Structures are given as C-alpha cells and as structure tokens.
mmCIF file of all heavy atoms, coordinates in Angstrom:
data_MODEL
# 
_entry.id   MODEL 
# 
loop_
_atom_site.group_PDB 
_atom_site.id 
_atom_site.type_symbol 
_atom_site.label_atom_id 
_atom_site.label_alt_id 
_atom_site.label_comp_id 
_atom_site.label_asym_id 
_atom_site.label_entity_id 
_atom_site.label_seq_id 
_atom_site.pdbx_PDB_ins_code 
_atom_site.Cartn_x 
_atom_site.Cartn_y 
_atom_site.Cartn_z 
_atom_site.occupancy 
_atom_site.B_iso_or_equiv 
_atom_site.pdbx_formal_charge 
_atom_site.auth_seq_id 
_atom_site.auth_comp_id 
_atom_site.auth_asym_id 
_atom_site.auth_atom_id 
_atom_site.pdbx_PDB_model_num 
ATOM 1   N N   . THR A 1 1  ? 0.769  -1.187 0.048   1.00 0.00 ? 1  THR A N   1 
ATOM 2   C CA  . THR A 1 1  ? -0.072 -0.081 0.021   1.00 0.00 ? 1  THR A CA  1 
ATOM 3   C C   . THR A 1 1  ? 0.932  1.256  0.007   1.00 0.00 ? 1  THR A C   1 
ATOM 4   O O   . THR A 1 1  ? 0.333  2.309  0.265   1.00 0.00 ? 1  THR A O   1 
ATOM 5   C CB  . THR A 1 1  ? -0.895 -0.012 1.251   1.00 0.00 ? 1  THR A CB  1 
ATOM 6   O OG1 . THR A 1 1  ? -0.165 0.024  2.382   1.00 0.00 ? 1  THR A OG1 1 
ATOM 7   C CG2 . THR A 1 1  ? -1.925 -1.074 1.213   1.00 0.00 ? 1  THR A CG2 1 
ATOM 8   N N   . LEU A 1 2  ? 2.101  1.142  -0.261  1.00 0.00 ? 2  LEU A N   1 
ATOM 9   C CA  . LEU A 1 2  ? 3.007  2.240  -0.180  1.00 0.00 ? 2  LEU A CA  1 
ATOM 10  C C   . LEU A 1 2  ? 2.612  3.263  -1.276  1.00 0.00 ? 2  LEU A C   1 
ATOM 11  O O   . LEU A 1 2  ? 2.583  3.040  -2.443  1.00 0.00 ? 2  LEU A O   1 
ATOM 12  C CB  . LEU A 1 2  ? 4.441  1.830  -0.340  1.00 0.00 ? 2  LEU A CB  1 
ATOM 13  C CG  . LEU A 1 2  ? 5.480  2.947  -0.238  1.00 0.00 ? 2  LEU A CG  1 
ATOM 14  C CD1 . LEU A 1 2  ? 5.501  3.433  1.203   1.00 0.00 ? 2  LEU A CD1 1 
ATOM 15  C CD2 . LEU A 1 2  ? 6.910  2.385  -0.625  1.00 0.00 ? 2  LEU A CD2 1 
ATOM 16  N N   . SER A 1 3  ? 2.364  4.483  -0.884  1.00 0.00 ? 3  SER A N   1 
ATOM 17  C CA  . SER A 1 3  ? 2.061  5.579  -1.839  1.00 0.00 ? 3  SER A CA  1 
ATOM 18  C C   . SER A 1 3  ? 3.251  6.329  -2.259  1.00 0.00 ? 3  SER A C   1 
ATOM 19  O O   . SER A 1 3  ? 3.202  7.273  -3.078  1.00 0.00 ? 3  SER A O   1 
ATOM 20  C CB  . SER A 1 3  ? 1.083  6.595  -1.104  1.00 0.00 ? 3  SER A CB  1 
ATOM 21  O OG  . SER A 1 3  ? 1.697  7.156  -0.030  1.00 0.00 ? 3  SER A OG  1 
ATOM 22  N N   . ALA A 1 4  ? 4.499  5.918  -1.806  1.00 0.00 ? 4  ALA A N   1 
ATOM 23  C CA  . ALA A 1 4  ? 5.721  6.641  -2.172  1.00 0.00 ? 4  ALA A CA  1 
ATOM 24  C C   . ALA A 1 4  ? 6.118  6.328  -3.541  1.00 0.00 ? 4  ALA A C   1 
ATOM 25  O O   . ALA A 1 4  ? 7.254  6.807  -3.954  1.00 0.00 ? 4  ALA A O   1 
ATOM 26  C CB  . ALA A 1 4  ? 6.797  6.299  -1.252  1.00 0.00 ? 4  ALA A CB  1 
ATOM 27  N N   . CYS A 1 5  ? 5.334  5.564  -4.323  1.00 0.00 ? 5  CYS A N   1 
ATOM 28  C CA  . CYS A 1 5  ? 5.766  5.258  -5.661  1.00 0.00 ? 5  CYS A CA  1 
ATOM 29  C C   . CYS A 1 5  ? 5.528  6.348  -6.678  1.00 0.00 ? 5  CYS A C   1 
ATOM 30  O O   . CYS A 1 5  ? 5.933  6.399  -7.819  1.00 0.00 ? 5  CYS A O   1 
ATOM 31  C CB  . CYS A 1 5  ? 4.919  4.058  -6.201  1.00 0.00 ? 5  CYS A CB  1 
ATOM 32  S SG  . CYS A 1 5  ? 3.156  4.357  -6.280  1.00 0.00 ? 5  CYS A SG  1 
ATOM 33  N N   . ALA A 1 6  ? 4.787  7.456  -6.269  1.00 0.00 ? 6  ALA A N   1 
ATOM 34  C CA  . ALA A 1 6  ? 4.623  8.588  -7.075  1.00 0.00 ? 6  ALA A CA  1 
ATOM 35  C C   . ALA A 1 6  ? 5.998  9.092  -7.499  1.00 0.00 ? 6  ALA A C   1 
ATOM 36  O O   . ALA A 1 6  ? 6.957  9.143  -6.897  1.00 0.00 ? 6  ALA A O   1 
ATOM 37  C CB  . ALA A 1 6  ? 3.862  9.748  -6.354  1.00 0.00 ? 6  ALA A CB  1 
ATOM 38  N N   . SER A 1 7  ? 6.059  9.534  -8.756  1.00 0.00 ? 7  SER A N   1 
ATOM 39  C CA  . SER A 1 7  ? 7.233  9.952  -9.412  1.00 0.00 ? 7  SER A CA  1 
ATOM 40  C C   . SER A 1 7  ? 7.848  11.193 -8.695  1.00 0.00 ? 7  SER A C   1 
ATOM 41  O O   . SER A 1 7  ? 7.084  12.098 -8.250  1.00 0.00 ? 7  SER A O   1 
ATOM 42  C CB  . SER A 1 7  ? 7.027  10.440 -10.897 1.00 0.00 ? 7  SER A CB  1 
ATOM 43  O OG  . SER A 1 7  ? 6.629  9.280  -11.639 1.00 0.00 ? 7  SER A OG  1 
ATOM 44  N N   . THR A 1 8  ? 9.127  11.185 -8.413  1.00 0.00 ? 8  THR A N   1 
ATOM 45  C CA  . THR A 1 8  ? 9.822  12.266 -7.736  1.00 0.00 ? 8  THR A CA  1 
ATOM 46  C C   . THR A 1 8  ? 10.633 13.038 -8.810  1.00 0.00 ? 8  THR A C   1 
ATOM 47  O O   . THR A 1 8  ? 11.331 12.375 -9.574  1.00 0.00 ? 8  THR A O   1 
ATOM 48  C CB  . THR A 1 8  ? 10.707 11.695 -6.718  1.00 0.00 ? 8  THR A CB  1 
ATOM 49  O OG1 . THR A 1 8  ? 9.952  10.996 -5.743  1.00 0.00 ? 8  THR A OG1 1 
ATOM 50  C CG2 . THR A 1 8  ? 11.511 12.787 -5.977  1.00 0.00 ? 8  THR A CG2 1 
ATOM 51  N N   . PRO A 1 9  ? 10.470 14.311 -8.920  1.00 0.00 ? 9  PRO A N   1 
ATOM 52  C CA  . PRO A 1 9  ? 11.237 15.115 -9.861  1.00 0.00 ? 9  PRO A CA  1 
ATOM 53  C C   . PRO A 1 9  ? 12.727 14.751 -9.716  1.00 0.00 ? 9  PRO A C   1 
ATOM 54  O O   . PRO A 1 9  ? 13.257 14.732 -8.683  1.00 0.00 ? 9  PRO A O   1 
ATOM 55  C CB  . PRO A 1 9  ? 10.951 16.526 -9.538  1.00 0.00 ? 9  PRO A CB  1 
ATOM 56  C CG  . PRO A 1 9  ? 9.567  16.490 -8.747  1.00 0.00 ? 9  PRO A CG  1 
ATOM 57  C CD  . PRO A 1 9  ? 9.680  15.217 -7.974  1.00 0.00 ? 9  PRO A CD  1 
ATOM 58  N N   . THR A 1 10 ? 13.385 14.510 -10.881 1.00 0.00 ? 10 THR A N   1 
ATOM 59  C CA  . THR A 1 10 ? 14.778 14.246 -10.941 1.00 0.00 ? 10 THR A CA  1 
ATOM 60  C C   . THR A 1 10 ? 15.664 15.565 -10.749 1.00 0.00 ? 10 THR A C   1 
ATOM 61  O O   . THR A 1 10 ? 15.387 16.471 -11.411 1.00 0.00 ? 10 THR A O   1 
ATOM 62  C CB  . THR A 1 10 ? 15.149 13.579 -12.172 1.00 0.00 ? 10 THR A CB  1 
ATOM 63  O OG1 . THR A 1 10 ? 14.416 12.415 -12.284 1.00 0.00 ? 10 THR A OG1 1 
ATOM 64  C CG2 . THR A 1 10 ? 16.730 13.237 -12.267 1.00 0.00 ? 10 THR A CG2 1 
ATOM 65  N N   . ARG A 1 11 ? 16.460 15.552 -9.704  1.00 0.00 ? 11 ARG A N   1 
ATOM 66  C CA  . ARG A 1 11 ? 17.347 16.676 -9.465  1.00 0.00 ? 11 ARG A CA  1 
ATOM 67  C C   . ARG A 1 11 ? 18.808 16.223 -9.526  1.00 0.00 ? 11 ARG A C   1 
ATOM 68  O O   . ARG A 1 11 ? 19.110 15.189 -8.862  1.00 0.00 ? 11 ARG A O   1 
ATOM 69  C CB  . ARG A 1 11 ? 17.010 17.291 -8.110  1.00 0.00 ? 11 ARG A CB  1 
ATOM 70  C CG  . ARG A 1 11 ? 15.657 18.033 -8.133  1.00 0.00 ? 11 ARG A CG  1 
ATOM 71  C CD  . ARG A 1 11 ? 15.332 18.534 -6.766  1.00 0.00 ? 11 ARG A CD  1 
ATOM 72  N NE  . ARG A 1 11 ? 15.124 17.533 -5.730  1.00 0.00 ? 11 ARG A NE  1 
ATOM 73  C CZ  . ARG A 1 11 ? 14.944 17.682 -4.520  1.00 0.00 ? 11 ARG A CZ  1 
ATOM 74  N NH1 . ARG A 1 11 ? 14.770 18.966 -4.111  1.00 0.00 ? 11 ARG A NH1 1 
ATOM 75  N NH2 . ARG A 1 11 ? 14.715 16.737 -3.635  1.00 0.00 ? 11 ARG A NH2 1 
ATOM 76  N N   . LYS A 1 12 ? 19.654 17.045 -10.112 1.00 0.00 ? 12 LYS A N   1 
ATOM 77  C CA  . LYS A 1 12 ? 21.037 16.610 -10.173 1.00 0.00 ? 12 LYS A CA  1 
ATOM 78  C C   . LYS A 1 12 ? 21.572 16.758 -8.711  1.00 0.00 ? 12 LYS A C   1 
ATOM 79  O O   . LYS A 1 12 ? 21.525 17.835 -8.157  1.00 0.00 ? 12 LYS A O   1 
ATOM 80  C CB  . LYS A 1 12 ? 21.745 17.506 -11.159 1.00 0.00 ? 12 LYS A CB  1 
ATOM 81  C CG  . LYS A 1 12 ? 23.279 17.165 -11.337 1.00 0.00 ? 12 LYS A CG  1 
ATOM 82  C CD  . LYS A 1 12 ? 23.878 18.055 -12.389 1.00 0.00 ? 12 LYS A CD  1 
ATOM 83  C CE  . LYS A 1 12 ? 25.280 17.597 -12.587 1.00 0.00 ? 12 LYS A CE  1 
ATOM 84  N NZ  . LYS A 1 12 ? 26.044 18.422 -13.673 1.00 0.00 ? 12 LYS A NZ  1 
ATOM 85  N N   . ALA A 1 13 ? 22.268 15.718 -8.250  1.00 0.00 ? 13 ALA A N   1 
ATOM 86  C CA  . ALA A 1 13 ? 22.788 15.787 -6.925  1.00 0.00 ? 13 ALA A CA  1 
ATOM 87  C C   . ALA A 1 13 ? 24.029 16.649 -6.810  1.00 0.00 ? 13 ALA A C   1 
ATOM 88  O O   . ALA A 1 13 ? 24.880 16.523 -7.823  1.00 0.00 ? 13 ALA A O   1 
ATOM 89  C CB  . ALA A 1 13 ? 23.130 14.390 -6.380  1.00 0.00 ? 13 ALA A CB  1 
ATOM 90  N N   . PRO A 1 14 ? 24.166 17.372 -5.795  1.00 0.00 ? 14 PRO A N   1 
ATOM 91  C CA  . PRO A 1 14 ? 25.396 18.167 -5.740  1.00 0.00 ? 14 PRO A CA  1 
ATOM 92  C C   . PRO A 1 14 ? 26.631 17.305 -5.575  1.00 0.00 ? 14 PRO A C   1 
ATOM 93  O O   . PRO A 1 14 ? 26.548 16.145 -5.140  1.00 0.00 ? 14 PRO A O   1 
ATOM 94  C CB  . PRO A 1 14 ? 25.153 18.940 -4.365  1.00 0.00 ? 14 PRO A CB  1 
ATOM 95  C CG  . PRO A 1 14 ? 23.703 18.906 -4.095  1.00 0.00 ? 14 PRO A CG  1 
ATOM 96  C CD  . PRO A 1 14 ? 23.266 17.643 -4.764  1.00 0.00 ? 14 PRO A CD  1 
ATOM 97  N N   . HIS A 1 15 ? 27.715 17.790 -6.096  1.00 0.00 ? 15 HIS A N   1 
ATOM 98  C CA  . HIS A 1 15 ? 28.932 16.977 -6.069  1.00 0.00 ? 15 HIS A CA  1 
ATOM 99  C C   . HIS A 1 15 ? 29.386 16.732 -4.578  1.00 0.00 ? 15 HIS A C   1 
ATOM 100 O O   . HIS A 1 15 ? 29.303 17.565 -3.750  1.00 0.00 ? 15 HIS A O   1 
ATOM 101 C CB  . HIS A 1 15 ? 30.055 17.822 -6.833  1.00 0.00 ? 15 HIS A CB  1 
ATOM 102 C CG  . HIS A 1 15 ? 31.355 17.038 -6.821  1.00 0.00 ? 15 HIS A CG  1 
ATOM 103 N ND1 . HIS A 1 15 ? 31.538 15.912 -7.459  1.00 0.00 ? 15 HIS A ND1 1 
ATOM 104 C CD2 . HIS A 1 15 ? 32.530 17.313 -6.064  1.00 0.00 ? 15 HIS A CD2 1 
ATOM 105 C CE1 . HIS A 1 15 ? 32.860 15.450 -7.268  1.00 0.00 ? 15 HIS A CE1 1 
ATOM 106 N NE2 . HIS A 1 15 ? 33.377 16.333 -6.456  1.00 0.00 ? 15 HIS A NE2 1 
ATOM 107 N N   . VAL A 1 16 ? 29.772 15.482 -4.313  1.00 0.00 ? 16 VAL A N   1 
ATOM 108 C CA  . VAL A 1 16 ? 30.195 15.131 -3.056  1.00 0.00 ? 16 VAL A CA  1 
ATOM 109 C C   . VAL A 1 16 ? 31.597 14.559 -3.124  1.00 0.00 ? 16 VAL A C   1 
ATOM 110 O O   . VAL A 1 16 ? 31.943 13.731 -3.995  1.00 0.00 ? 16 VAL A O   1 
ATOM 111 C CB  . VAL A 1 16 ? 29.306 14.019 -2.396  1.00 0.00 ? 16 VAL A CB  1 
ATOM 112 C CG1 . VAL A 1 16 ? 29.877 13.596 -1.017  1.00 0.00 ? 16 VAL A CG1 1 
ATOM 113 C CG2 . VAL A 1 16 ? 27.966 14.593 -2.221  1.00 0.00 ? 16 VAL A CG2 1 
ATOM 114 N N   . THR A 1 17 ? 32.553 15.187 -2.378  1.00 0.00 ? 17 THR A N   1 
ATOM 115 C CA  . THR A 1 17 ? 33.844 14.727 -2.383  1.00 0.00 ? 17 THR A CA  1 
ATOM 116 C C   . THR A 1 17 ? 33.997 13.757 -1.105  1.00 0.00 ? 17 THR A C   1 
ATOM 117 O O   . THR A 1 17 ? 33.850 14.111 0.011   1.00 0.00 ? 17 THR A O   1 
ATOM 118 C CB  . THR A 1 17 ? 34.884 15.883 -2.141  1.00 0.00 ? 17 THR A CB  1 
ATOM 119 O OG1 . THR A 1 17 ? 34.694 16.767 -3.185  1.00 0.00 ? 17 THR A OG1 1 
ATOM 120 C CG2 . THR A 1 17 ? 36.338 15.317 -2.071  1.00 0.00 ? 17 THR A CG2 1 
ATOM 121 N N   . ALA A 1 18 ? 34.231 12.523 -1.539  1.00 0.00 ? 18 ALA A N   1 
ATOM 122 C CA  . ALA A 1 18 ? 34.109 11.441 -0.372  1.00 0.00 ? 18 ALA A CA  1 
ATOM 123 C C   . ALA A 1 18 ? 35.471 11.168 0.199   1.00 0.00 ? 18 ALA A C   1 
ATOM 124 O O   . ALA A 1 18 ? 36.518 11.217 -0.432  1.00 0.00 ? 18 ALA A O   1 
ATOM 125 C CB  . ALA A 1 18 ? 33.619 10.115 -0.961  1.00 0.00 ? 18 ALA A CB  1 
ATOM 126 N N   . PRO A 1 19 ? 35.457 11.090 1.606   1.00 0.00 ? 19 PRO A N   1 
ATOM 127 C CA  . PRO A 1 19 ? 36.723 10.681 2.178   1.00 0.00 ? 19 PRO A CA  1 
ATOM 128 C C   . PRO A 1 19 ? 37.041 9.218  1.851   1.00 0.00 ? 19 PRO A C   1 
ATOM 129 O O   . PRO A 1 19 ? 36.163 8.579  1.305   1.00 0.00 ? 19 PRO A O   1 
ATOM 130 C CB  . PRO A 1 19 ? 36.404 10.932 3.698   1.00 0.00 ? 19 PRO A CB  1 
ATOM 131 C CG  . PRO A 1 19 ? 34.932 10.721 3.675   1.00 0.00 ? 19 PRO A CG  1 
ATOM 132 C CD  . PRO A 1 19 ? 34.361 11.264 2.483   1.00 0.00 ? 19 PRO A CD  1 
ATOM 133 N N   . PRO A 1 20 ? 38.252 8.775  2.314   1.00 0.00 ? 20 PRO A N   1 
ATOM 134 C CA  . PRO A 1 20 ? 38.522 7.269  2.104   1.00 0.00 ? 20 PRO A CA  1 
ATOM 135 C C   . PRO A 1 20 ? 37.432 6.470  2.719   1.00 0.00 ? 20 PRO A C   1 
ATOM 136 O O   . PRO A 1 20 ? 37.044 6.684  3.777   1.00 0.00 ? 20 PRO A O   1 
ATOM 137 C CB  . PRO A 1 20 ? 39.869 7.147  2.685   1.00 0.00 ? 20 PRO A CB  1 
ATOM 138 C CG  . PRO A 1 20 ? 40.504 8.463  2.673   1.00 0.00 ? 20 PRO A CG  1 
ATOM 139 C CD  . PRO A 1 20 ? 39.360 9.418  2.810   1.00 0.00 ? 20 PRO A CD  1 
ATOM 140 N N   . VAL A 1 21 ? 36.975 5.383  1.978   1.00 0.00 ? 21 VAL A N   1 
ATOM 141 C CA  . VAL A 1 21 ? 35.866 4.494  2.479   1.00 0.00 ? 21 VAL A CA  1 
ATOM 142 C C   . VAL A 1 21 ? 36.408 3.628  3.555   1.00 0.00 ? 21 VAL A C   1 
ATOM 143 O O   . VAL A 1 21 ? 37.539 3.188  3.547   1.00 0.00 ? 21 VAL A O   1 
ATOM 144 C CB  . VAL A 1 21 ? 35.196 3.837  1.388   1.00 0.00 ? 21 VAL A CB  1 
ATOM 145 C CG1 . VAL A 1 21 ? 34.521 4.777  0.434   1.00 0.00 ? 21 VAL A CG1 1 
ATOM 146 C CG2 . VAL A 1 21 ? 36.147 2.893  0.656   1.00 0.00 ? 21 VAL A CG2 1 
ATOM 147 N N   . GLY A 1 22 ? 35.599 3.262  4.412   1.00 0.00 ? 22 GLY A N   1 
ATOM 148 C CA  . GLY A 1 22 ? 35.959 2.380  5.602   1.00 0.00 ? 22 GLY A CA  1 
ATOM 149 C C   . GLY A 1 22 ? 35.026 1.226  5.684   1.00 0.00 ? 22 GLY A C   1 
ATOM 150 O O   . GLY A 1 22 ? 34.268 0.892  4.788   1.00 0.00 ? 22 GLY A O   1 
ATOM 151 N N   . ARG A 1 23 ? 35.003 0.585  6.850   1.00 0.00 ? 23 ARG A N   1 
ATOM 152 C CA  . ARG A 1 23 ? 34.212 -0.600 7.120   1.00 0.00 ? 23 ARG A CA  1 
ATOM 153 C C   . ARG A 1 23 ? 32.759 -0.210 7.478   1.00 0.00 ? 23 ARG A C   1 
ATOM 154 O O   . ARG A 1 23 ? 31.846 -1.002 7.232   1.00 0.00 ? 23 ARG A O   1 
ATOM 155 C CB  . ARG A 1 23 ? 34.778 -1.337 8.327   1.00 0.00 ? 23 ARG A CB  1 
ATOM 156 C CG  . ARG A 1 23 ? 36.123 -1.962 8.094   1.00 0.00 ? 23 ARG A CG  1 
ATOM 157 C CD  . ARG A 1 23 ? 36.609 -2.634 9.356   1.00 0.00 ? 23 ARG A CD  1 
ATOM 158 N NE  . ARG A 1 23 ? 35.701 -3.624 9.880   1.00 0.00 ? 23 ARG A NE  1 
ATOM 159 C CZ  . ARG A 1 23 ? 35.319 -3.668 11.091  1.00 0.00 ? 23 ARG A CZ  1 
ATOM 160 N NH1 . ARG A 1 23 ? 35.823 -2.879 12.096  1.00 0.00 ? 23 ARG A NH1 1 
ATOM 161 N NH2 . ARG A 1 23 ? 34.550 -4.765 11.500  1.00 0.00 ? 23 ARG A NH2 1 
ATOM 162 N N   . ASN A 1 24 ? 32.516 0.989  7.977   1.00 0.00 ? 24 ASN A N   1 
ATOM 163 C CA  . ASN A 1 24 ? 31.144 1.352  8.387   1.00 0.00 ? 24 ASN A CA  1 
ATOM 164 C C   . ASN A 1 24 ? 30.174 1.348  7.244   1.00 0.00 ? 24 ASN A C   1 
ATOM 165 O O   . ASN A 1 24 ? 30.564 1.534  6.082   1.00 0.00 ? 24 ASN A O   1 
ATOM 166 C CB  . ASN A 1 24 ? 31.174 2.732  9.076   1.00 0.00 ? 24 ASN A CB  1 
ATOM 167 C CG  . ASN A 1 24 ? 31.928 2.658  10.419  1.00 0.00 ? 24 ASN A CG  1 
ATOM 168 O OD1 . ASN A 1 24 ? 32.286 1.671  10.875  1.00 0.00 ? 24 ASN A OD1 1 
ATOM 169 N ND2 . ASN A 1 24 ? 32.278 3.855  10.967  1.00 0.00 ? 24 ASN A ND2 1 
ATOM 170 N N   . VAL A 1 25 ? 28.915 1.116  7.621   1.00 0.00 ? 25 VAL A N   1 
ATOM 171 C CA  . VAL A 1 25 ? 27.939 0.949  6.592   1.00 0.00 ? 25 VAL A CA  1 
ATOM 172 C C   . VAL A 1 25 ? 26.827 1.924  6.787   1.00 0.00 ? 25 VAL A C   1 
ATOM 173 O O   . VAL A 1 25 ? 26.257 2.021  7.903   1.00 0.00 ? 25 VAL A O   1 
ATOM 174 C CB  . VAL A 1 25 ? 27.400 -0.436 6.651   1.00 0.00 ? 25 VAL A CB  1 
ATOM 175 C CG1 . VAL A 1 25 ? 26.112 -0.655 5.626   1.00 0.00 ? 25 VAL A CG1 1 
ATOM 176 C CG2 . VAL A 1 25 ? 28.428 -1.443 6.308   1.00 0.00 ? 25 VAL A CG2 1 
# 
C-alpha cells in the first residue's frame, strides 16, 4: 500500500567529495 511510488522530480545531486571509504555501513 506504499504511496511513495509517485514520481519524484529528478534533481542533479550536488557534487560530493568522499573521504576514504571504511568498514562502516
């Protein structure tokens, strides 16, 4: 019954500079 299926406007995500990845999730 999830109503969240309605289309969400596509927006370009701001650039993210990622630090070195680790074990955390």
